[in-house]
Amino acid sequence: MRIRLAHSPDPDDAFMFYGLACGAVPAGPYEFEHVLSDIQTLNECALRGEYEVTAISICAYPRVCGQYALTACGASLGDNYGPLVVSREQRSVEDLRGRTIAVPGLMTTAYLTLQLLLGRAAFEPRVVMFDRIPDEVAQGRVDAGLLIHEGQLTYGQYGLQRVVDLGQWWHRRTGLPLPLGGNAIRRDLGPERSREIVDIIRASIRYGLDRREEAVRYALRFGRGLDERLADRFVGMYVNEWTLDYGPRGREAVERLLSEGAAAGLVPHVGPIDFV
């Protein structure tokens, strides 16, 4: 049975699926087809139920929960770190209000968190492909930029200044990690197939963690501007024990983020969250 496994072309996702991609992890009765696309596009595809398994932003889950369940593995959580807001010159958080800020997508968790920090409609978002945001800021085409993926480590190469780390802000406020992205599996696969597929994905994550050096070398192919040291650091930030399973604290973080987003009118209300 063909299973399309959609994820971002980034080092952390590549690391997670290295075991499957290199054929070291048995795929059982499934043929996994890797589909690579940026997270905003994947969120939009999830609205249509396009792929059997897909990476999604956690803030997109309330909009797709009728068709998808979150998988218990595959999450990217920022534990006292996360997406960054940067600018050309030093700014305060208050100085971001009323500014034009480049964002990687209106369905990304980074954008939701920035809205929770500044308030709804407190700034003008401009959607820019995530890997172009540092240059947009450096060239002065926007006042600030919201960085995800490897931009969190490489923004200094553009001469940019950090304004706020949203993961740190969230942790100070809640004591919880910031749940940025996860994997979702289509409900029409049924409970038994879903559990089998999730077990295979977890085995792939474990394979990479157990063979970190070779998995990082593979992931480096997807690391725009990252050397091996930075790729290893980035992977360590977002592929770890949280990725094997959210655990009670990670699940609490998902519920807290989505409940706060719903209370602020930023995402639809979602009931109990089921994890496969």
C-alpha atoms as a PDB file:
ATOM      1  CA  MET A   1       0.000   0.000   0.000  1.00  0.00           C
ATOM      2  CA  ARG A   2       1.459   3.354  -1.021  1.00  0.00           C
ATOM      3  CA  ILE A   3       1.673   5.934   1.777  1.00  0.00           C
ATOM      4  CA  ARG A   4       2.623   9.456   0.818  1.00  0.00           C
ATOM      5  CA  LEU A   5       4.756  10.878   3.612  1.00  0.00           C
ATOM      6  CA  ALA A   6       4.790  14.654   3.213  1.00  0.00           C
ATOM      7  CA  HIS A   7       7.310  16.747   5.108  1.00  0.00           C
ATOM      8  CA  SER A   8       9.486  19.828   4.857  1.00  0.00           C
ATOM      9  CA  PRO A   9      12.830  19.735   3.002  1.00  0.00           C
ATOM     10  CA  ASP A  10      14.681  20.610   6.209  1.00  0.00           C
ATOM     11  CA  PRO A  11      17.420  18.938   8.253  1.00  0.00           C
ATOM     12  CA  ASP A  12      15.188  17.964  11.175  1.00  0.00           C
ATOM     13  CA  ASP A  13      12.554  16.253   9.013  1.00  0.00           C
ATOM     14  CA  ALA A  14      15.251  14.631   6.878  1.00  0.00           C
ATOM     15  CA  PHE A  15      16.885  13.319  10.055  1.00  0.00           C
ATOM     16  CA  MET A  16      13.580  11.861  11.293  1.00  0.00           C
ATOM     17  CA  PHE A  17      12.976   9.928   8.092  1.00  0.00           C
ATOM     18  CA  TYR A  18      16.557   8.896   7.375  1.00  0.00           C
ATOM     19  CA  GLY A  19      15.922   5.332   8.538  1.00  0.00           C
ATOM     20  CA  LEU A  20      13.083   4.962   6.061  1.00  0.00           C
ATOM     21  CA  ALA A  21      14.778   6.850   3.235  1.00  0.00           C
ATOM     22  CA  CYS A  22      17.933   4.712   3.393  1.00  0.00           C
ATOM     23  CA  GLY A  23      15.936   1.473   3.630  1.00  0.00           C
ATOM     24  CA  ALA A  24      17.283   0.493   7.042  1.00  0.00           C
ATOM     25  CA  VAL A  25      13.870   0.512   8.723  1.00  0.00           C
ATOM     26  CA  PRO A  26      11.465  -2.145   7.395  1.00  0.00           C
ATOM     27  CA  ALA A  27       8.423  -0.576   5.774  1.00  0.00           C
ATOM     28  CA  GLY A  28       6.222  -3.630   6.290  1.00  0.00           C
ATOM     29  CA  PRO A  29       3.363  -3.817   3.781  1.00  0.00           C
ATOM     30  CA  TYR A  30       3.751  -0.134   2.901  1.00  0.00           C
ATOM     31  CA  GLU A  31       5.590   1.717   0.180  1.00  0.00           C
ATOM     32  CA  PHE A  32       6.478   5.168   1.494  1.00  0.00           C
ATOM     33  CA  GLU A  33       6.703   7.988  -1.025  1.00  0.00           C
ATOM     34  CA  HIS A  34       8.440  11.077   0.385  1.00  0.00           C
ATOM     35  CA  VAL A  35       6.803  14.333  -0.714  1.00  0.00           C
ATOM     36  CA  LEU A  36       8.790  17.482   0.093  1.00  0.00           C
ATOM     37  CA  SER A  37       7.219  20.911   0.438  1.00  0.00           C
ATOM     38  CA  ASP A  38       7.325  23.946   2.724  1.00  0.00           C
ATOM     39  CA  ILE A  39       5.157  23.842   5.823  1.00  0.00           C
ATOM     40  CA  GLN A  40       2.653  26.493   4.720  1.00  0.00           C
ATOM     41  CA  THR A  41       1.944  24.492   1.552  1.00  0.00           C
ATOM     42  CA  LEU A  42       1.639  21.284   3.582  1.00  0.00           C
ATOM     43  CA  ASN A  43      -0.866  22.959   5.895  1.00  0.00           C
ATOM     44  CA  GLU A  44      -2.938  23.969   2.880  1.00  0.00           C
ATOM     45  CA  CYS A  45      -2.739  20.449   1.445  1.00  0.00           C
ATOM     46  CA  ALA A  46      -3.912  19.044   4.781  1.00  0.00           C
ATOM     47  CA  LEU A  47      -7.061  21.144   4.510  1.00  0.00           C
ATOM     48  CA  ARG A  48      -7.857  19.064   1.425  1.00  0.00           C
ATOM     49  CA  GLY A  49      -6.773  15.766   3.008  1.00  0.00           C
ATOM     50  CA  GLU A  50      -4.255  15.333   0.220  1.00  0.00           C
ATOM     51  CA  TYR A  51      -1.616  13.085   1.854  1.00  0.00           C
ATOM     52  CA  GLU A  52      -1.955  10.012   4.029  1.00  0.00           C
ATOM     53  CA  VAL A  53       0.704  11.282   6.465  1.00  0.00           C
ATOM     54  CA  THR A  54       1.822  14.875   6.591  1.00  0.00           C
ATOM     55  CA  ALA A  55       3.815  17.303   8.653  1.00  0.00           C
ATOM     56  CA  ILE A  56       1.614  20.143   9.839  1.00  0.00           C
ATOM     57  CA  SER A  57       1.909  23.186  12.035  1.00  0.00           C
ATOM     58  CA  ILE A  58       0.265  22.508  15.380  1.00  0.00           C
ATOM     59  CA  CYS A  59      -1.898  25.600  14.938  1.00  0.00           C
ATOM     60  CA  ALA A  60      -3.303  24.049  11.723  1.00  0.00           C
ATOM     61  CA  TYR A  61      -4.616  20.984  13.568  1.00  0.00           C
ATOM     62  CA  PRO A  62      -8.003  22.474  14.589  1.00  0.00           C
ATOM     63  CA  ARG A  63      -8.748  23.083  10.906  1.00  0.00           C
ATOM     64  CA  VAL A  64      -7.914  19.534   9.824  1.00  0.00           C
ATOM     65  CA  CYS A  65      -8.866  17.445  12.871  1.00  0.00           C
ATOM     66  CA  GLY A  66     -11.931  16.037  11.123  1.00  0.00           C
ATOM     67  CA  GLN A  67      -9.685  14.296   8.597  1.00  0.00           C
ATOM     68  CA  TYR A  68      -6.454  13.825  10.563  1.00  0.00           C
ATOM     69  CA  ALA A  69      -5.240  12.728  13.990  1.00  0.00           C
ATOM     70  CA  LEU A  70      -1.899  13.803  15.412  1.00  0.00           C
ATOM     71  CA  THR A  71       0.697  11.073  15.631  1.00  0.00           C
ATOM     72  CA  ALA A  72       2.291  10.631  19.056  1.00  0.00           C
ATOM     73  CA  CYS A  73       5.755  10.780  17.449  1.00  0.00           C
ATOM     74  CA  GLY A  74       7.330  13.203  15.016  1.00  0.00           C
ATOM     75  CA  ALA A  75       6.784  16.437  16.921  1.00  0.00           C
ATOM     76  CA  SER A  76       9.113  19.435  16.937  1.00  0.00           C
ATOM     77  CA  LEU A  77       8.936  21.232  20.272  1.00  0.00           C
ATOM     78  CA  GLY A  78      11.037  24.202  21.308  1.00  0.00           C
ATOM     79  CA  ASP A  79      11.882  23.775  24.994  1.00  0.00           C
ATOM     80  CA  ASN A  80      12.701  27.367  26.000  1.00  0.00           C
ATOM     81  CA  TYR A  81      13.665  28.262  22.423  1.00  0.00           C
ATOM     82  CA  GLY A  82      11.801  28.640  19.165  1.00  0.00           C
ATOM     83  CA  PRO A  83      11.092  30.947  16.222  1.00  0.00           C
ATOM     84  CA  LEU A  84      12.831  34.307  16.329  1.00  0.00           C
ATOM     85  CA  VAL A  85      11.781  37.818  15.388  1.00  0.00           C
ATOM     86  CA  VAL A  86      14.736  39.707  13.948  1.00  0.00           C
ATOM     87  CA  SER A  87      15.350  43.189  12.557  1.00  0.00           C
ATOM     88  CA  ARG A  88      18.207  45.190  11.062  1.00  0.00           C
ATOM     89  CA  GLU A  89      18.635  47.288  14.177  1.00  0.00           C
ATOM     90  CA  GLN A  90      17.981  46.596  17.821  1.00  0.00           C
ATOM     91  CA  ARG A  91      14.286  46.938  18.634  1.00  0.00           C
ATOM     92  CA  SER A  92      12.117  46.271  21.635  1.00  0.00           C
ATOM     93  CA  VAL A  93       9.093  43.994  21.470  1.00  0.00           C
ATOM     94  CA  GLU A  94       6.820  47.030  21.864  1.00  0.00           C
ATOM     95  CA  ASP A  95       8.478  48.605  18.829  1.00  0.00           C
ATOM     96  CA  LEU A  96       7.162  45.739  16.683  1.00  0.00           C
ATOM     97  CA  ARG A  97       3.605  47.010  17.002  1.00  0.00           C
ATOM     98  CA  GLY A  98       2.380  48.639  13.825  1.00  0.00           C
ATOM     99  CA  ARG A  99       5.361  47.324  11.854  1.00  0.00           C
ATOM    100  CA  THR A 100       5.452  45.204   8.717  1.00  0.00           C
ATOM    101  CA  ILE A 101       6.773  41.765   9.640  1.00  0.00           C
ATOM    102  CA  ALA A 102       7.640  39.036   7.143  1.00  0.00           C
ATOM    103  CA  VAL A 103       6.083  35.747   8.235  1.00  0.00           C
ATOM    104  CA  PRO A 104       6.495  32.233   6.771  1.00  0.00           C
ATOM    105  CA  GLY A 105       2.760  31.596   6.481  1.00  0.00           C
ATOM    106  CA  LEU A 106      -0.543  32.520   8.080  1.00  0.00           C
ATOM    107  CA  MET A 107      -1.148  28.930   9.224  1.00  0.00           C
ATOM    108  CA  THR A 108       2.207  28.478  10.945  1.00  0.00           C
ATOM    109  CA  THR A 109       2.558  28.090  14.706  1.00  0.00           C
ATOM    110  CA  ALA A 110       5.232  30.780  14.653  1.00  0.00           C
ATOM    111  CA  TYR A 111       2.687  33.281  13.311  1.00  0.00           C
ATOM    112  CA  LEU A 112       0.066  32.219  15.871  1.00  0.00           C
ATOM    113  CA  THR A 113       2.575  32.660  18.704  1.00  0.00           C
ATOM    114  CA  LEU A 114       3.596  36.098  17.450  1.00  0.00           C
ATOM    115  CA  GLN A 115      -0.075  37.105  17.441  1.00  0.00           C
ATOM    116  CA  LEU A 116      -0.449  35.844  21.007  1.00  0.00           C
ATOM    117  CA  LEU A 117       2.556  37.967  21.999  1.00  0.00           C
ATOM    118  CA  LEU A 118       1.666  41.212  20.214  1.00  0.00           C
ATOM    119  CA  GLY A 119      -2.101  40.924  19.917  1.00  0.00           C
ATOM    120  CA  ARG A 120      -4.330  40.302  16.966  1.00  0.00           C
ATOM    121  CA  ALA A 121      -3.953  42.870  14.165  1.00  0.00           C
ATOM    122  CA  ALA A 122      -1.145  44.626  16.077  1.00  0.00           C
ATOM    123  CA  PHE A 123       1.212  44.391  13.090  1.00  0.00           C
ATOM    124  CA  GLU A 124       1.056  43.950   9.323  1.00  0.00           C
ATOM    125  CA  PRO A 125       2.098  40.427   8.264  1.00  0.00           C
ATOM    126  CA  ARG A 126       3.667  39.913   4.867  1.00  0.00           C
ATOM    127  CA  VAL A 127       3.878  36.294   3.762  1.00  0.00           C
ATOM    128  CA  VAL A 128       7.340  35.444   2.425  1.00  0.00           C
ATOM    129  CA  MET A 129       8.881  32.020   1.728  1.00  0.00           C
ATOM    130  CA  PHE A 130      10.676  31.107   4.944  1.00  0.00           C
ATOM    131  CA  ASP A 131      14.177  30.933   3.443  1.00  0.00           C
ATOM    132  CA  ARG A 132      13.868  34.416   1.882  1.00  0.00           C
ATOM    133  CA  ILE A 133      12.849  36.204   5.074  1.00  0.00           C
ATOM    134  CA  PRO A 134      16.384  37.052   6.331  1.00  0.00           C
ATOM    135  CA  ASP A 135      17.217  38.743   3.030  1.00  0.00           C
ATOM    136  CA  GLU A 136      13.900  40.636   3.004  1.00  0.00           C
ATOM    137  CA  VAL A 137      14.763  42.064   6.414  1.00  0.00           C
ATOM    138  CA  ALA A 138      18.390  42.781   5.534  1.00  0.00           C
ATOM    139  CA  GLN A 139      17.355  44.638   2.359  1.00  0.00           C
ATOM    140  CA  GLY A 140      14.890  46.791   4.300  1.00  0.00           C
ATOM    141  CA  ARG A 141      11.821  45.579   2.449  1.00  0.00           C
ATOM    142  CA  VAL A 142      10.151  44.780   5.796  1.00  0.00           C
ATOM    143  CA  ASP A 143      10.697  46.101   9.314  1.00  0.00           C
ATOM    144  CA  ALA A 144      11.236  42.697  10.893  1.00  0.00           C
ATOM    145  CA  GLY A 145      11.077  39.000  10.080  1.00  0.00           C
ATOM    146  CA  LEU A 146       9.790  35.876  11.786  1.00  0.00           C
ATOM    147  CA  LEU A 147      12.362  33.107  11.356  1.00  0.00           C
ATOM    148  CA  ILE A 148      11.768  29.360  11.447  1.00  0.00           C
ATOM    149  CA  HIS A 149      13.988  26.412  10.498  1.00  0.00           C
ATOM    150  CA  GLU A 150      17.711  27.074  10.055  1.00  0.00           C
ATOM    151  CA  GLY A 151      17.213  30.841   9.934  1.00  0.00           C
ATOM    152  CA  GLN A 152      17.116  30.679  13.735  1.00  0.00           C
ATOM    153  CA  LEU A 153      20.842  29.851  13.636  1.00  0.00           C
ATOM    154  CA  THR A 154      22.066  31.748  10.572  1.00  0.00           C
ATOM    155  CA  TYR A 155      20.448  35.203  10.885  1.00  0.00           C
ATOM    156  CA  GLY A 156      23.718  36.705  12.137  1.00  0.00           C
ATOM    157  CA  GLN A 157      25.232  36.101   8.703  1.00  0.00           C
ATOM    158  CA  TYR A 158      22.846  38.793   7.431  1.00  0.00           C
ATOM    159  CA  GLY A 159      23.817  41.280  10.129  1.00  0.00           C
ATOM    160  CA  LEU A 160      20.423  40.994  11.799  1.00  0.00           C
ATOM    161  CA  GLN A 161      19.531  41.538  15.448  1.00  0.00           C
ATOM    162  CA  ARG A 162      17.322  39.309  17.559  1.00  0.00           C
ATOM    163  CA  VAL A 163      14.262  41.039  18.991  1.00  0.00           C
ATOM    164  CA  VAL A 164      12.539  38.131  20.738  1.00  0.00           C
ATOM    165  CA  ASP A 165      12.691  34.357  20.944  1.00  0.00           C
ATOM    166  CA  LEU A 166       9.063  33.192  20.938  1.00  0.00           C
ATOM    167  CA  GLY A 167       9.945  29.875  22.566  1.00  0.00           C
ATOM    168  CA  GLN A 168      11.539  31.666  25.495  1.00  0.00           C
ATOM    169  CA  TRP A 169       8.563  34.011  25.801  1.00  0.00           C
ATOM    170  CA  TRP A 170       6.145  31.065  25.808  1.00  0.00           C
ATOM    171  CA  HIS A 171       8.217  29.175  28.394  1.00  0.00           C
ATOM    172  CA  ARG A 172       8.342  32.175  30.753  1.00  0.00           C
ATOM    173  CA  ARG A 173       4.599  32.483  30.436  1.00  0.00           C
ATOM    174  CA  THR A 174       3.543  28.849  30.735  1.00  0.00           C
ATOM    175  CA  GLY A 175       6.536  26.798  31.850  1.00  0.00           C
ATOM    176  CA  LEU A 176       5.879  24.579  28.809  1.00  0.00           C
ATOM    177  CA  PRO A 177       7.695  23.858  25.548  1.00  0.00           C
ATOM    178  CA  LEU A 178       6.321  25.521  22.432  1.00  0.00           C
ATOM    179  CA  PRO A 179       4.778  22.836  20.171  1.00  0.00           C
ATOM    180  CA  LEU A 180       5.637  24.015  16.688  1.00  0.00           C
ATOM    181  CA  GLY A 181       4.996  21.154  14.313  1.00  0.00           C
ATOM    182  CA  GLY A 182       3.868  17.569  14.294  1.00  0.00           C
ATOM    183  CA  ASN A 183       2.854  14.748  12.024  1.00  0.00           C
ATOM    184  CA  ALA A 184      -0.742  13.944  11.246  1.00  0.00           C
ATOM    185  CA  ILE A 185      -2.220  10.764   9.835  1.00  0.00           C
ATOM    186  CA  ARG A 186      -5.443  10.549   7.856  1.00  0.00           C
ATOM    187  CA  ARG A 187      -8.278   8.974   9.794  1.00  0.00           C
ATOM    188  CA  ASP A 188      -9.607   6.995   6.837  1.00  0.00           C
ATOM    189  CA  LEU A 189      -6.611   4.658   7.115  1.00  0.00           C
ATOM    190  CA  GLY A 190      -8.281   3.152  10.157  1.00  0.00           C
ATOM    191  CA  PRO A 191      -6.906   2.487  13.653  1.00  0.00           C
ATOM    192  CA  GLU A 192      -4.880  -0.645  12.885  1.00  0.00           C
ATOM    193  CA  ARG A 193      -3.061   0.697   9.822  1.00  0.00           C
ATOM    194  CA  SER A 194      -2.517   4.028  11.553  1.00  0.00           C
ATOM    195  CA  ARG A 195      -0.808   2.382  14.526  1.00  0.00           C
ATOM    196  CA  GLU A 196       1.378   0.268  12.218  1.00  0.00           C
ATOM    197  CA  ILE A 197       2.470   3.325  10.250  1.00  0.00           C
ATOM    198  CA  VAL A 198       3.184   5.340  13.369  1.00  0.00           C
ATOM    199  CA  ASP A 199       5.304   2.485  14.745  1.00  0.00           C
ATOM    200  CA  ILE A 200       7.348   2.520  11.515  1.00  0.00           C
ATOM    201  CA  ILE A 201       7.836   6.294  11.709  1.00  0.00           C
ATOM    202  CA  ARG A 202       8.909   6.026  15.352  1.00  0.00           C
ATOM    203  CA  ALA A 203      11.404   3.322  14.403  1.00  0.00           C
ATOM    204  CA  SER A 204      12.851   5.661  11.764  1.00  0.00           C
ATOM    205  CA  ILE A 205      13.234   8.457  14.321  1.00  0.00           C
ATOM    206  CA  ARG A 206      14.903   6.073  16.759  1.00  0.00           C
ATOM    207  CA  TYR A 207      17.234   4.820  14.015  1.00  0.00           C
ATOM    208  CA  GLY A 208      18.444   8.373  13.376  1.00  0.00           C
ATOM    209  CA  LEU A 209      18.895   9.154  17.058  1.00  0.00           C
ATOM    210  CA  ASP A 210      20.892   5.944  17.552  1.00  0.00           C
ATOM    211  CA  ARG A 211      23.091   6.730  14.527  1.00  0.00           C
ATOM    212  CA  ARG A 212      23.262  10.466  14.924  1.00  0.00           C
ATOM    213  CA  GLU A 213      26.479  11.149  13.013  1.00  0.00           C
ATOM    214  CA  GLU A 214      25.454   9.406   9.800  1.00  0.00           C
ATOM    215  CA  ALA A 215      21.895  10.732  10.046  1.00  0.00           C
ATOM    216  CA  VAL A 216      23.180  14.301  10.434  1.00  0.00           C
ATOM    217  CA  ARG A 217      25.397  13.868   7.363  1.00  0.00           C
ATOM    218  CA  TYR A 218      22.294  12.817   5.420  1.00  0.00           C
ATOM    219  CA  ALA A 219      20.259  15.712   6.858  1.00  0.00           C
ATOM    220  CA  LEU A 220      22.984  18.163   5.859  1.00  0.00           C
ATOM    221  CA  ARG A 221      21.858  17.795   2.241  1.00  0.00           C
ATOM    222  CA  PHE A 222      18.751  19.747   3.241  1.00  0.00           C
ATOM    223  CA  GLY A 223      20.533  22.358   5.387  1.00  0.00           C
ATOM    224  CA  ARG A 224      20.613  25.622   3.453  1.00  0.00           C
ATOM    225  CA  GLY A 225      23.704  27.476   4.672  1.00  0.00           C
ATOM    226  CA  LEU A 226      24.434  25.016   7.490  1.00  0.00           C
ATOM    227  CA  ASP A 227      27.753  23.324   8.054  1.00  0.00           C
ATOM    228  CA  GLU A 228      27.884  19.989   9.872  1.00  0.00           C
ATOM    229  CA  ARG A 229      28.259  21.632  13.288  1.00  0.00           C
ATOM    230  CA  LEU A 230      25.203  23.858  12.822  1.00  0.00           C
ATOM    231  CA  ALA A 231      23.189  21.038  11.261  1.00  0.00           C
ATOM    232  CA  ASP A 232      23.917  18.864  14.284  1.00  0.00           C
ATOM    233  CA  ARG A 233      22.885  21.682  16.611  1.00  0.00           C
ATOM    234  CA  PHE A 234      19.673  22.330  14.680  1.00  0.00           C
ATOM    235  CA  VAL A 235      18.734  18.656  14.605  1.00  0.00           C
ATOM    236  CA  GLY A 236      19.371  18.407  18.336  1.00  0.00           C
ATOM    237  CA  MET A 237      16.984  21.292  18.940  1.00  0.00           C
ATOM    238  CA  TYR A 238      14.051  19.679  17.162  1.00  0.00           C
ATOM    239  CA  VAL A 239      14.665  15.905  17.004  1.00  0.00           C
ATOM    240  CA  ASN A 240      15.010  14.444  20.481  1.00  0.00           C
ATOM    241  CA  GLU A 241      13.020  12.543  23.110  1.00  0.00           C
ATOM    242  CA  TRP A 242      10.048  14.859  22.507  1.00  0.00           C
ATOM    243  CA  THR A 243      10.048  13.616  18.910  1.00  0.00           C
ATOM    244  CA  LEU A 244       9.701   9.984  19.965  1.00  0.00           C
ATOM    245  CA  ASP A 245       6.629  10.893  22.032  1.00  0.00           C
ATOM    246  CA  TYR A 246       5.041  14.133  23.206  1.00  0.00           C
ATOM    247  CA  GLY A 247       4.660  12.744  26.703  1.00  0.00           C
ATOM    248  CA  PRO A 248       2.276  14.333  29.230  1.00  0.00           C
ATOM    249  CA  ARG A 249       4.046  17.705  29.228  1.00  0.00           C
ATOM    250  CA  GLY A 250       4.166  17.911  25.448  1.00  0.00           C
ATOM    251  CA  ARG A 251       0.491  17.046  25.159  1.00  0.00           C
ATOM    252  CA  GLU A 252      -0.331  19.666  27.760  1.00  0.00           C
ATOM    253  CA  ALA A 253       1.627  22.181  25.683  1.00  0.00           C
ATOM    254  CA  VAL A 254      -0.437  21.392  22.574  1.00  0.00           C
ATOM    255  CA  GLU A 255      -3.696  21.750  24.485  1.00  0.00           C
ATOM    256  CA  ARG A 256      -2.561  25.018  26.102  1.00  0.00           C
ATOM    257  CA  LEU A 257      -1.428  26.601  22.846  1.00  0.00           C
ATOM    258  CA  LEU A 258      -4.599  25.692  20.971  1.00  0.00           C
ATOM    259  CA  SER A 259      -6.883  26.740  23.820  1.00  0.00           C
ATOM    260  CA  GLU A 260      -5.161  30.124  24.063  1.00  0.00           C
ATOM    261  CA  GLY A 261      -5.331  30.526  20.308  1.00  0.00           C
ATOM    262  CA  ALA A 262      -9.046  29.722  20.325  1.00  0.00           C
ATOM    263  CA  ALA A 263      -9.714  32.104  23.237  1.00  0.00           C
ATOM    264  CA  ALA A 264      -8.022  34.872  21.252  1.00  0.00           C
ATOM    265  CA  GLY A 265     -10.111  34.062  18.177  1.00  0.00           C
ATOM    266  CA  LEU A 266      -7.047  33.022  16.185  1.00  0.00           C
ATOM    267  CA  VAL A 267      -7.841  29.322  15.605  1.00  0.00           C
ATOM    268  CA  PRO A 268     -11.072  27.307  15.762  1.00  0.00           C
ATOM    269  CA  HIS A 269     -11.908  25.666  19.059  1.00  0.00           C
ATOM    270  CA  VAL A 270     -10.937  22.003  19.115  1.00  0.00           C
ATOM    271  CA  GLY A 271     -12.222  19.433  21.568  1.00  0.00           C
ATOM    272  CA  PRO A 272     -10.189  16.589  23.062  1.00  0.00           C
ATOM    273  CA  ILE A 273      -7.039  15.975  21.030  1.00  0.00           C
ATOM    274  CA  ASP A 274      -6.368  12.376  20.081  1.00  0.00           C
ATOM    275  CA  PHE A 275      -2.862  11.106  19.427  1.00  0.00           C
ATOM    276  CA  VAL A 276      -2.168   7.898  17.487  1.00  0.00           C
END
